[in-house]
Amino acid sequence: TMHWMEQEQERGITITSAATQCHWKAHNIDGSEVEATINIIDTPGHVDFTAEVERSLRVLDGGVAVFDGSQGVEPQSETVWRQADKYHVPRLAFINKMDKTGGDFYMSIGSIHDRLSKDAVAIQLPIGAESDLTGVIDLITKKAYKFGGEHGEKMEEIEIPADMEEKVSEYRSQLMEKAAECDDDLLDAYLENNALTDDQIMQGIRIGTINSKIYPVLCGSSLKNIGVQLMLDAVVRYLPSPLDLPPAKGINPRTEEEEERKPENEESLASLAFKIATDPFVGKLTFVRVYSGVLKTGGSIYNTRTGNKER
């Protein structure tokens, strides 16, 4: 859907960033469901189209960095990661293509630690690798899942394989320490009880992710749909909604004073056009990120670049 250009479909790569919206019923730890609306911008991964990435990162609240499980951190992943640092975009890492020959989760997370950030922390481990990849283990709840059906759409809870018990404990204790460091109250609870509850670990991951203190690492195979549902749950659980972030700041052109706009409909409109595209059927399309207020058809807006009002 996002690869609408012929060249993109032929080559199987993203050339221009595209925006779409989807809805996902995420599951909380207590089993309750959250209906979330996710606005997605799919950005190119190729070095020649890096300006497209920069423009999109400027307006994103959170991101998912996708890595090839057989390659680890590639040069372009590094470029995009640094761009995301520049715009303070909180992010998750998804180690994809774990079913590919050479797919190695531990090598990939090692290369993230070496080249990008020591604050990347696994919140899942894969069950099997390469052609034997069958599922993932959630380190927070210590539950394992396998994915069946034609497109991995049937997610089923299974026992954690006996030979992985030790690894799960080791990685879970690392995760618990990292989560505790993200918040003073959690740190006190951790030092007092020498452990955190599942809810506390999730709370720590959320606080740490929003403040870019930690980068949760997930894994799976998007082609076989292994781990994708859990990744979407993590997007809703840990990445910030506009309400979790500080208000947008800007300079009022009339007074030259700095002002803030909260993400509320009652505020005056503040928005940023981040992409212009020409569609053969529709003509010129402008992609806009709205930070506050409501953008209405036929309304007039003040263009800060030209100093004019526009319909």
C-alpha atoms as a PDB file:
ATOM      1  CA  THR A   1       0.000   0.000   0.000  1.00  0.00           C
ATOM      2  CA  MET A   2       2.767   2.414   0.932  1.00  0.00           C
ATOM      3  CA  HIS A   3       4.838   1.587  -2.152  1.00  0.00           C
ATOM      4  CA  TRP A   4       2.581   3.314  -4.646  1.00  0.00           C
ATOM      5  CA  MET A   5       5.275   4.289  -7.194  1.00  0.00           C
ATOM      6  CA  GLU A   6       6.032   1.839  -9.996  1.00  0.00           C
ATOM      7  CA  GLN A   7       9.774   2.107  -9.343  1.00  0.00           C
ATOM      8  CA  GLU A   8       9.215   1.187  -5.695  1.00  0.00           C
ATOM      9  CA  GLN A   9       7.157  -1.865  -6.625  1.00  0.00           C
ATOM     10  CA  GLU A  10       9.731  -3.026  -9.188  1.00  0.00           C
ATOM     11  CA  ARG A  11      12.704  -2.622  -6.858  1.00  0.00           C
ATOM     12  CA  GLY A  12      10.980  -3.499  -3.589  1.00  0.00           C
ATOM     13  CA  ILE A  13      12.437  -0.437  -1.843  1.00  0.00           C
ATOM     14  CA  THR A  14      10.974   2.783  -0.444  1.00  0.00           C
ATOM     15  CA  ILE A  15      11.886   5.912  -2.439  1.00  0.00           C
ATOM     16  CA  THR A  16       9.481   8.544  -1.093  1.00  0.00           C
ATOM     17  CA  SER A  17       8.031   8.628   2.387  1.00  0.00           C
ATOM     18  CA  ALA A  18       4.316   7.855   2.477  1.00  0.00           C
ATOM     19  CA  ALA A  19       1.792   8.446   5.250  1.00  0.00           C
ATOM     20  CA  THR A  20      -1.192   6.349   6.269  1.00  0.00           C
ATOM     21  CA  GLN A  21      -3.319   5.620   9.300  1.00  0.00           C
ATOM     22  CA  CYS A  22      -4.309   2.333  10.890  1.00  0.00           C
ATOM     23  CA  HIS A  23      -6.151   1.151  13.987  1.00  0.00           C
ATOM     24  CA  TRP A  24      -4.904  -1.451  16.400  1.00  0.00           C
ATOM     25  CA  LYS A  25      -6.503  -3.071  19.441  1.00  0.00           C
ATOM     26  CA  ALA A  26      -3.532  -3.373  21.762  1.00  0.00           C
ATOM     27  CA  HIS A  27      -3.589  -5.602  24.842  1.00  0.00           C
ATOM     28  CA  ASN A  28      -2.528  -4.348  28.240  1.00  0.00           C
ATOM     29  CA  ILE A  29      -0.843  -6.682  30.724  1.00  0.00           C
ATOM     30  CA  ASP A  30      -4.147  -7.066  32.622  1.00  0.00           C
ATOM     31  CA  GLY A  31      -5.811  -8.321  29.425  1.00  0.00           C
ATOM     32  CA  SER A  32      -7.831  -5.144  28.787  1.00  0.00           C
ATOM     33  CA  GLU A  33      -7.895  -3.748  25.256  1.00  0.00           C
ATOM     34  CA  VAL A  34      -6.894  -0.276  24.111  1.00  0.00           C
ATOM     35  CA  GLU A  35      -8.215   0.991  20.788  1.00  0.00           C
ATOM     36  CA  ALA A  36      -5.377   3.032  19.305  1.00  0.00           C
ATOM     37  CA  THR A  37      -5.071   5.064  16.126  1.00  0.00           C
ATOM     38  CA  ILE A  38      -1.556   4.895  14.701  1.00  0.00           C
ATOM     39  CA  ASN A  39      -0.377   7.376  12.080  1.00  0.00           C
ATOM     40  CA  ILE A  40       2.479   5.783  10.163  1.00  0.00           C
ATOM     41  CA  ILE A  41       5.080   7.447   7.979  1.00  0.00           C
ATOM     42  CA  ASP A  42       7.112   4.881   6.061  1.00  0.00           C
ATOM     43  CA  THR A  43      10.490   6.421   5.255  1.00  0.00           C
ATOM     44  CA  PRO A  44      13.133   5.252   2.755  1.00  0.00           C
ATOM     45  CA  GLY A  45      16.049   3.169   4.023  1.00  0.00           C
ATOM     46  CA  HIS A  46      18.302   3.993   1.073  1.00  0.00           C
ATOM     47  CA  VAL A  47      21.106   6.545   1.498  1.00  0.00           C
ATOM     48  CA  ASP A  48      20.161   8.445  -1.699  1.00  0.00           C
ATOM     49  CA  PHE A  49      16.786   9.435  -0.245  1.00  0.00           C
ATOM     50  CA  THR A  50      17.944  10.504   3.187  1.00  0.00           C
ATOM     51  CA  ALA A  51      16.400  14.015   2.991  1.00  0.00           C
ATOM     52  CA  GLU A  52      12.957  12.355   2.886  1.00  0.00           C
ATOM     53  CA  VAL A  53      13.766  10.678   6.204  1.00  0.00           C
ATOM     54  CA  GLU A  54      14.898  13.919   7.834  1.00  0.00           C
ATOM     55  CA  ARG A  55      11.684  15.743   6.886  1.00  0.00           C
ATOM     56  CA  SER A  56       9.549  12.956   8.323  1.00  0.00           C
ATOM     57  CA  LEU A  57      11.531  12.623  11.563  1.00  0.00           C
ATOM     58  CA  ARG A  58      10.879  16.315  12.163  1.00  0.00           C
ATOM     59  CA  VAL A  59       7.161  15.606  12.718  1.00  0.00           C
ATOM     60  CA  LEU A  60       7.154  12.128  14.284  1.00  0.00           C
ATOM     61  CA  ASP A  61       6.429  11.507  17.979  1.00  0.00           C
ATOM     62  CA  GLY A  62       8.061   8.074  17.978  1.00  0.00           C
ATOM     63  CA  GLY A  63       9.672   5.639  15.572  1.00  0.00           C
ATOM     64  CA  VAL A  64      10.471   1.997  14.955  1.00  0.00           C
ATOM     65  CA  ALA A  65      13.957   1.356  13.594  1.00  0.00           C
ATOM     66  CA  VAL A  66      13.889  -1.848  11.538  1.00  0.00           C
ATOM     67  CA  PHE A  67      17.099  -3.868  11.219  1.00  0.00           C
ATOM     68  CA  ASP A  68      17.969  -6.874   9.063  1.00  0.00           C
ATOM     69  CA  GLY A  69      18.614  -9.743  11.485  1.00  0.00           C
ATOM     70  CA  SER A  70      21.371 -11.178   9.287  1.00  0.00           C
ATOM     71  CA  GLN A  71      23.217  -7.853   8.832  1.00  0.00           C
ATOM     72  CA  GLY A  72      22.931  -6.071  12.170  1.00  0.00           C
ATOM     73  CA  VAL A  73      23.479  -2.310  11.949  1.00  0.00           C
ATOM     74  CA  GLU A  74      24.053  -1.241   8.341  1.00  0.00           C
ATOM     75  CA  PRO A  75      25.582   2.172   7.443  1.00  0.00           C
ATOM     76  CA  GLN A  76      22.250   3.731   6.498  1.00  0.00           C
ATOM     77  CA  SER A  77      20.639   2.499   9.747  1.00  0.00           C
ATOM     78  CA  GLU A  78      23.350   4.429  11.556  1.00  0.00           C
ATOM     79  CA  THR A  79      22.613   7.614   9.557  1.00  0.00           C
ATOM     80  CA  VAL A  80      18.889   7.410  10.299  1.00  0.00           C
ATOM     81  CA  TRP A  81      19.529   6.653  13.989  1.00  0.00           C
ATOM     82  CA  ARG A  82      21.665   9.804  14.295  1.00  0.00           C
ATOM     83  CA  GLN A  83      18.958  11.832  12.508  1.00  0.00           C
ATOM     84  CA  ALA A  84      16.410  10.513  15.022  1.00  0.00           C
ATOM     85  CA  ASP A  85      18.762  11.542  17.864  1.00  0.00           C
ATOM     86  CA  LYS A  86      18.925  15.051  16.393  1.00  0.00           C
ATOM     87  CA  TYR A  87      15.137  15.430  16.534  1.00  0.00           C
ATOM     88  CA  HIS A  88      14.849  13.581  19.909  1.00  0.00           C
ATOM     89  CA  VAL A  89      12.531  10.911  18.499  1.00  0.00           C
ATOM     90  CA  PRO A  90      11.866   8.107  21.029  1.00  0.00           C
ATOM     91  CA  ARG A  91      12.124   4.736  19.315  1.00  0.00           C
ATOM     92  CA  LEU A  92      11.828   0.969  19.444  1.00  0.00           C
ATOM     93  CA  ALA A  93      14.142  -1.335  17.504  1.00  0.00           C
ATOM     94  CA  PHE A  94      12.697  -4.290  15.578  1.00  0.00           C
ATOM     95  CA  ILE A  95      15.161  -6.937  14.436  1.00  0.00           C
ATOM     96  CA  ASN A  96      13.419  -8.262  11.336  1.00  0.00           C
ATOM     97  CA  LYS A  97      14.147 -11.162   8.935  1.00  0.00           C
ATOM     98  CA  MET A  98      15.042 -13.490  11.785  1.00  0.00           C
ATOM     99  CA  ASP A  99      13.917 -16.341   9.508  1.00  0.00           C
ATOM    100  CA  LYS A 100      16.576 -15.469   6.898  1.00  0.00           C
ATOM    101  CA  THR A 101      19.813 -17.451   6.531  1.00  0.00           C
ATOM    102  CA  GLY A 102      22.295 -15.863   8.919  1.00  0.00           C
ATOM    103  CA  GLY A 103      19.535 -14.308  11.068  1.00  0.00           C
ATOM    104  CA  ASP A 104      21.157 -13.846  14.483  1.00  0.00           C
ATOM    105  CA  PHE A 105      19.432 -11.873  17.233  1.00  0.00           C
ATOM    106  CA  TYR A 106      22.406 -11.745  19.604  1.00  0.00           C
ATOM    107  CA  MET A 107      24.815 -10.541  16.895  1.00  0.00           C
ATOM    108  CA  SER A 108      22.289  -7.859  15.872  1.00  0.00           C
ATOM    109  CA  ILE A 109      21.718  -6.525  19.370  1.00  0.00           C
ATOM    110  CA  GLY A 110      25.497  -6.607  19.913  1.00  0.00           C
ATOM    111  CA  SER A 111      26.026  -4.446  16.832  1.00  0.00           C
ATOM    112  CA  ILE A 112      23.327  -2.008  18.063  1.00  0.00           C
ATOM    113  CA  HIS A 113      25.262  -1.725  21.356  1.00  0.00           C
ATOM    114  CA  ASP A 114      28.580  -1.211  19.541  1.00  0.00           C
ATOM    115  CA  ARG A 115      27.471   1.252  16.891  1.00  0.00           C
ATOM    116  CA  LEU A 116      24.329   3.012  18.081  1.00  0.00           C
ATOM    117  CA  SER A 117      23.546   2.914  21.787  1.00  0.00           C
ATOM    118  CA  LYS A 118      24.340   0.925  24.910  1.00  0.00           C
ATOM    119  CA  ASP A 119      20.810   1.787  26.058  1.00  0.00           C
ATOM    120  CA  ALA A 120      19.170  -0.697  23.666  1.00  0.00           C
ATOM    121  CA  VAL A 121      17.623  -3.448  25.785  1.00  0.00           C
ATOM    122  CA  ALA A 122      15.927  -6.672  24.681  1.00  0.00           C
ATOM    123  CA  ILE A 123      12.298  -7.057  25.764  1.00  0.00           C
ATOM    124  CA  GLN A 124      11.900 -10.240  23.689  1.00  0.00           C
ATOM    125  CA  LEU A 125      13.991 -13.223  22.643  1.00  0.00           C
ATOM    126  CA  PRO A 126      13.401 -15.330  19.517  1.00  0.00           C
ATOM    127  CA  ILE A 127      12.576 -19.034  19.684  1.00  0.00           C
ATOM    128  CA  GLY A 128      14.804 -20.684  17.084  1.00  0.00           C
ATOM    129  CA  ALA A 129      16.569 -18.889  14.247  1.00  0.00           C
ATOM    130  CA  GLU A 130      16.770 -18.904  10.453  1.00  0.00           C
ATOM    131  CA  SER A 131      14.332 -21.477   9.013  1.00  0.00           C
ATOM    132  CA  ASP A 132      13.606 -22.815  12.543  1.00  0.00           C
ATOM    133  CA  LEU A 133      12.186 -19.513  13.820  1.00  0.00           C
ATOM    134  CA  THR A 134       8.830 -20.397  15.406  1.00  0.00           C
ATOM    135  CA  GLY A 135       8.005 -17.636  17.850  1.00  0.00           C
ATOM    136  CA  VAL A 136       9.134 -15.139  20.471  1.00  0.00           C
ATOM    137  CA  ILE A 137       9.403 -14.949  24.250  1.00  0.00           C
ATOM    138  CA  ASP A 138       8.129 -11.860  26.062  1.00  0.00           C
ATOM    139  CA  LEU A 139      10.704 -11.147  28.772  1.00  0.00           C
ATOM    140  CA  ILE A 140       8.360  -8.948  30.829  1.00  0.00           C
ATOM    141  CA  THR A 141       5.588 -11.487  31.355  1.00  0.00           C
ATOM    142  CA  LYS A 142       7.822 -14.557  30.794  1.00  0.00           C
ATOM    143  CA  LYS A 143       5.346 -15.899  28.242  1.00  0.00           C
ATOM    144  CA  ALA A 144       6.221 -17.538  24.939  1.00  0.00           C
ATOM    145  CA  TYR A 145       4.155 -17.252  21.765  1.00  0.00           C
ATOM    146  CA  LYS A 146       4.102 -19.148  18.512  1.00  0.00           C
ATOM    147  CA  PHE A 147       2.470 -17.954  15.321  1.00  0.00           C
ATOM    148  CA  GLY A 148       0.406 -20.249  13.141  1.00  0.00           C
ATOM    149  CA  GLY A 149      -2.042 -19.948  10.259  1.00  0.00           C
ATOM    150  CA  GLU A 150      -1.330 -18.931   6.689  1.00  0.00           C
ATOM    151  CA  HIS A 151       0.025 -15.483   7.611  1.00  0.00           C
ATOM    152  CA  GLY A 152       1.074 -15.966  11.236  1.00  0.00           C
ATOM    153  CA  GLU A 153      -2.242 -14.426  12.309  1.00  0.00           C
ATOM    154  CA  LYS A 154      -2.968 -17.116  14.945  1.00  0.00           C
ATOM    155  CA  MET A 155      -0.971 -16.176  18.032  1.00  0.00           C
ATOM    156  CA  GLU A 156      -0.839 -18.956  20.599  1.00  0.00           C
ATOM    157  CA  GLU A 157       0.753 -19.012  24.052  1.00  0.00           C
ATOM    158  CA  ILE A 158       3.181 -21.907  24.591  1.00  0.00           C
ATOM    159  CA  GLU A 159       5.649 -23.092  27.243  1.00  0.00           C
ATOM    160  CA  ILE A 160       9.096 -21.467  27.276  1.00  0.00           C
ATOM    161  CA  PRO A 161      11.524 -24.042  25.800  1.00  0.00           C
ATOM    162  CA  ALA A 162      13.522 -25.674  28.630  1.00  0.00           C
ATOM    163  CA  ASP A 163      16.879 -24.873  27.004  1.00  0.00           C
ATOM    164  CA  MET A 164      16.034 -21.150  27.057  1.00  0.00           C
ATOM    165  CA  GLU A 165      15.062 -20.771  30.730  1.00  0.00           C
ATOM    166  CA  GLU A 166      18.547 -19.578  31.724  1.00  0.00           C
ATOM    167  CA  LYS A 167      18.799 -17.020  28.911  1.00  0.00           C
ATOM    168  CA  VAL A 168      15.337 -15.678  29.721  1.00  0.00           C
ATOM    169  CA  SER A 169      16.305 -15.118  33.384  1.00  0.00           C
ATOM    170  CA  GLU A 170      19.578 -13.444  32.404  1.00  0.00           C
ATOM    171  CA  TYR A 171      18.006 -11.039  29.889  1.00  0.00           C
ATOM    172  CA  ARG A 172      14.998 -10.371  32.132  1.00  0.00           C
ATOM    173  CA  SER A 173      17.209  -9.278  35.029  1.00  0.00           C
ATOM    174  CA  GLN A 174      19.106  -6.914  32.677  1.00  0.00           C
ATOM    175  CA  LEU A 175      15.767  -5.489  31.532  1.00  0.00           C
ATOM    176  CA  MET A 176      14.562  -5.078  35.125  1.00  0.00           C
ATOM    177  CA  GLU A 177      17.699  -3.111  36.099  1.00  0.00           C
ATOM    178  CA  LYS A 178      17.365  -0.839  33.040  1.00  0.00           C
ATOM    179  CA  ALA A 179      13.642  -0.220  33.749  1.00  0.00           C
ATOM    180  CA  ALA A 180      14.375   0.597  37.407  1.00  0.00           C
ATOM    181  CA  GLU A 181      17.001   3.181  36.421  1.00  0.00           C
ATOM    182  CA  CYS A 182      14.395   5.178  34.466  1.00  0.00           C
ATOM    183  CA  ASP A 183      12.442   6.386  37.488  1.00  0.00           C
ATOM    184  CA  ASP A 184      13.338   7.181  41.118  1.00  0.00           C
ATOM    185  CA  ASP A 185      10.251   5.487  42.600  1.00  0.00           C
ATOM    186  CA  LEU A 186      10.932   2.331  40.603  1.00  0.00           C
ATOM    187  CA  LEU A 187      14.583   2.378  41.660  1.00  0.00           C
ATOM    188  CA  ASP A 188      13.528   2.539  45.327  1.00  0.00           C
ATOM    189  CA  ALA A 189      11.096  -0.346  44.795  1.00  0.00           C
ATOM    190  CA  TYR A 190      13.805  -2.356  43.041  1.00  0.00           C
ATOM    191  CA  LEU A 191      16.411  -1.778  45.767  1.00  0.00           C
ATOM    192  CA  GLU A 192      13.861  -2.618  48.460  1.00  0.00           C
ATOM    193  CA  ASN A 193      12.465  -5.838  46.944  1.00  0.00           C
ATOM    194  CA  ASN A 194      15.350  -6.748  44.621  1.00  0.00           C
ATOM    195  CA  ALA A 195      12.720  -7.149  41.879  1.00  0.00           C
ATOM    196  CA  LEU A 196       9.957  -5.282  40.049  1.00  0.00           C
ATOM    197  CA  THR A 197       6.450  -6.460  39.172  1.00  0.00           C
ATOM    198  CA  ASP A 198       5.483  -6.881  35.490  1.00  0.00           C
ATOM    199  CA  ASP A 199       3.491  -3.626  35.669  1.00  0.00           C
ATOM    200  CA  GLN A 200       6.443  -1.761  37.161  1.00  0.00           C
ATOM    201  CA  ILE A 201       8.791  -3.057  34.435  1.00  0.00           C
ATOM    202  CA  MET A 202       6.344  -1.844  31.761  1.00  0.00           C
ATOM    203  CA  GLN A 203       6.002   1.510  33.497  1.00  0.00           C
ATOM    204  CA  GLY A 204       9.803   1.848  33.588  1.00  0.00           C
ATOM    205  CA  ILE A 205      10.148   0.917  29.905  1.00  0.00           C
ATOM    206  CA  ARG A 206       7.487   3.489  28.960  1.00  0.00           C
ATOM    207  CA  ILE A 207       9.115   6.309  30.974  1.00  0.00           C
ATOM    208  CA  GLY A 208      12.571   5.354  29.669  1.00  0.00           C
ATOM    209  CA  THR A 209      11.448   5.095  26.037  1.00  0.00           C
ATOM    210  CA  ILE A 210       9.633   8.449  26.031  1.00  0.00           C
ATOM    211  CA  ASN A 211      12.707  10.136  27.546  1.00  0.00           C
ATOM    212  CA  SER A 212      15.058   8.281  25.151  1.00  0.00           C
ATOM    213  CA  LYS A 213      16.828   6.683  28.109  1.00  0.00           C
ATOM    214  CA  ILE A 214      16.225   3.187  26.741  1.00  0.00           C
ATOM    215  CA  TYR A 215      15.411   1.663  23.359  1.00  0.00           C
ATOM    216  CA  PRO A 216      13.376  -1.559  23.673  1.00  0.00           C
ATOM    217  CA  VAL A 217      14.471  -4.221  21.166  1.00  0.00           C
ATOM    218  CA  LEU A 218      11.930  -6.629  19.658  1.00  0.00           C
ATOM    219  CA  CYS A 219      12.370  -9.341  17.046  1.00  0.00           C
ATOM    220  CA  GLY A 220      10.519 -11.408  14.486  1.00  0.00           C
ATOM    221  CA  SER A 221       9.831 -11.810  10.796  1.00  0.00           C
ATOM    222  CA  SER A 222       7.455  -9.395   9.094  1.00  0.00           C
ATOM    223  CA  LEU A 223       7.221 -11.648   6.034  1.00  0.00           C
ATOM    224  CA  LYS A 224       5.885 -14.570   8.100  1.00  0.00           C
ATOM    225  CA  ASN A 225       4.097 -12.194  10.502  1.00  0.00           C
ATOM    226  CA  ILE A 226       5.996 -13.605  13.479  1.00  0.00           C
ATOM    227  CA  GLY A 227       6.099 -11.094  16.322  1.00  0.00           C
ATOM    228  CA  VAL A 228       4.357  -8.303  14.406  1.00  0.00           C
ATOM    229  CA  GLN A 229       1.281  -8.257  16.680  1.00  0.00           C
ATOM    230  CA  LEU A 230       3.519  -7.946  19.751  1.00  0.00           C
ATOM    231  CA  MET A 231       5.494  -5.173  18.050  1.00  0.00           C
ATOM    232  CA  LEU A 232       2.272  -3.182  17.451  1.00  0.00           C
ATOM    233  CA  ASP A 233       1.282  -3.733  21.094  1.00  0.00           C
ATOM    234  CA  ALA A 234       4.696  -2.320  22.078  1.00  0.00           C
ATOM    235  CA  VAL A 235       4.173   0.739  19.826  1.00  0.00           C
ATOM    236  CA  VAL A 236       0.936   1.532  21.683  1.00  0.00           C
ATOM    237  CA  ARG A 237       2.364   0.653  25.097  1.00  0.00           C
ATOM    238  CA  TYR A 238       5.726   2.411  25.033  1.00  0.00           C
ATOM    239  CA  LEU A 239       5.920   5.059  22.312  1.00  0.00           C
ATOM    240  CA  PRO A 240       4.451   8.447  23.243  1.00  0.00           C
ATOM    241  CA  SER A 241       1.096   9.729  22.083  1.00  0.00           C
ATOM    242  CA  PRO A 242       1.030  13.516  21.435  1.00  0.00           C
ATOM    243  CA  LEU A 243      -0.286  13.931  25.016  1.00  0.00           C
ATOM    244  CA  ASP A 244       2.893  12.443  26.499  1.00  0.00           C
ATOM    245  CA  LEU A 245       5.161  15.033  24.912  1.00  0.00           C
ATOM    246  CA  PRO A 246       5.869  18.649  25.866  1.00  0.00           C
ATOM    247  CA  PRO A 247       3.770  21.294  24.028  1.00  0.00           C
ATOM    248  CA  ALA A 248       5.022  22.570  20.645  1.00  0.00           C
ATOM    249  CA  LYS A 249       7.035  25.791  20.907  1.00  0.00           C
ATOM    250  CA  GLY A 250       7.274  28.560  18.331  1.00  0.00           C
ATOM    251  CA  ILE A 251       7.898  32.263  17.870  1.00  0.00           C
ATOM    252  CA  ASN A 252       4.881  34.541  17.496  1.00  0.00           C
ATOM    253  CA  PRO A 253       5.725  36.631  14.369  1.00  0.00           C
ATOM    254  CA  ARG A 254       3.834  39.669  15.701  1.00  0.00           C
ATOM    255  CA  THR A 255       5.442  39.842  19.141  1.00  0.00           C
ATOM    256  CA  GLU A 256       8.705  37.909  18.487  1.00  0.00           C
ATOM    257  CA  GLU A 257       7.963  36.127  21.800  1.00  0.00           C
ATOM    258  CA  GLU A 258       8.162  32.347  22.257  1.00  0.00           C
ATOM    259  CA  GLU A 259       4.769  30.689  22.722  1.00  0.00           C
ATOM    260  CA  GLU A 260       3.558  27.194  23.501  1.00  0.00           C
ATOM    261  CA  ARG A 261       0.677  25.255  21.983  1.00  0.00           C
ATOM    262  CA  LYS A 262      -0.799  22.256  23.799  1.00  0.00           C
ATOM    263  CA  PRO A 263      -2.104  19.321  21.693  1.00  0.00           C
ATOM    264  CA  GLU A 264      -5.742  20.313  22.191  1.00  0.00           C
ATOM    265  CA  ASN A 265      -8.556  21.195  19.775  1.00  0.00           C
ATOM    266  CA  GLU A 266      -9.366  24.395  21.689  1.00  0.00           C
ATOM    267  CA  GLU A 267      -5.898  25.878  21.053  1.00  0.00           C
ATOM    268  CA  SER A 268      -5.176  28.004  17.966  1.00  0.00           C
ATOM    269  CA  LEU A 269      -3.938  26.079  14.954  1.00  0.00           C
ATOM    270  CA  ALA A 270      -0.219  25.287  14.785  1.00  0.00           C
ATOM    271  CA  SER A 271       0.965  22.934  12.072  1.00  0.00           C
ATOM    272  CA  LEU A 272       3.935  22.108   9.886  1.00  0.00           C
ATOM    273  CA  ALA A 273       3.818  21.110   6.214  1.00  0.00           C
ATOM    274  CA  PHE A 274       6.571  18.507   5.912  1.00  0.00           C
ATOM    275  CA  LYS A 275       6.103  17.060   2.455  1.00  0.00           C
ATOM    276  CA  ILE A 276       4.770  18.100  -0.949  1.00  0.00           C
ATOM    277  CA  ALA A 277       3.874  15.346  -3.403  1.00  0.00           C
ATOM    278  CA  THR A 278       2.433  15.480  -6.894  1.00  0.00           C
ATOM    279  CA  ASP A 279      -0.170  12.861  -7.635  1.00  0.00           C
ATOM    280  CA  PRO A 280      -1.098  12.297 -11.310  1.00  0.00           C
ATOM    281  CA  PHE A 281      -4.811  12.037 -10.392  1.00  0.00           C
ATOM    282  CA  VAL A 282      -5.170  14.555  -7.576  1.00  0.00           C
ATOM    283  CA  GLY A 283      -2.499  17.176  -8.312  1.00  0.00           C
ATOM    284  CA  LYS A 284      -0.430  18.707  -5.540  1.00  0.00           C
ATOM    285  CA  LEU A 285      -0.730  17.117  -2.108  1.00  0.00           C
ATOM    286  CA  THR A 286       0.639  18.734   1.034  1.00  0.00           C
ATOM    287  CA  PHE A 287       1.254  16.530   4.064  1.00  0.00           C
ATOM    288  CA  VAL A 288       0.717  18.449   7.304  1.00  0.00           C
ATOM    289  CA  ARG A 289       1.397  17.596  10.923  1.00  0.00           C
ATOM    290  CA  VAL A 290      -1.085  19.389  13.206  1.00  0.00           C
ATOM    291  CA  TYR A 291       0.347  20.200  16.642  1.00  0.00           C
ATOM    292  CA  SER A 292      -2.672  22.030  18.077  1.00  0.00           C
ATOM    293  CA  GLY A 293      -6.108  23.264  17.068  1.00  0.00           C
ATOM    294  CA  VAL A 294      -8.124  21.999  14.105  1.00  0.00           C
ATOM    295  CA  LEU A 295      -7.421  22.360  10.391  1.00  0.00           C
ATOM    296  CA  LYS A 296     -10.761  22.988   8.629  1.00  0.00           C
ATOM    297  CA  THR A 297     -11.664  22.913   4.930  1.00  0.00           C
ATOM    298  CA  GLY A 298     -11.975  26.433   3.578  1.00  0.00           C
ATOM    299  CA  GLY A 299     -10.419  27.993   6.670  1.00  0.00           C
ATOM    300  CA  SER A 300      -7.610  30.518   6.331  1.00  0.00           C
ATOM    301  CA  ILE A 301      -4.157  29.993   7.821  1.00  0.00           C
ATOM    302  CA  TYR A 302      -1.152  32.235   8.313  1.00  0.00           C
ATOM    303  CA  ASN A 303       1.929  31.038   6.393  1.00  0.00           C
ATOM    304  CA  THR A 304       4.955  31.985   8.518  1.00  0.00           C
ATOM    305  CA  ARG A 305       7.356  31.545   5.604  1.00  0.00           C
ATOM    306  CA  THR A 306       5.661  34.039   3.277  1.00  0.00           C
ATOM    307  CA  GLY A 307       3.876  36.147   5.895  1.00  0.00           C
ATOM    308  CA  ASN A 308       0.616  35.786   3.929  1.00  0.00           C
ATOM    309  CA  LYS A 309      -2.747  34.290   4.744  1.00  0.00           C
ATOM    310  CA  GLU A 310      -3.772  31.259   2.686  1.00  0.00           C
ATOM    311  CA  ARG A 311      -7.033  29.425   2.228  1.00  0.00           C
END
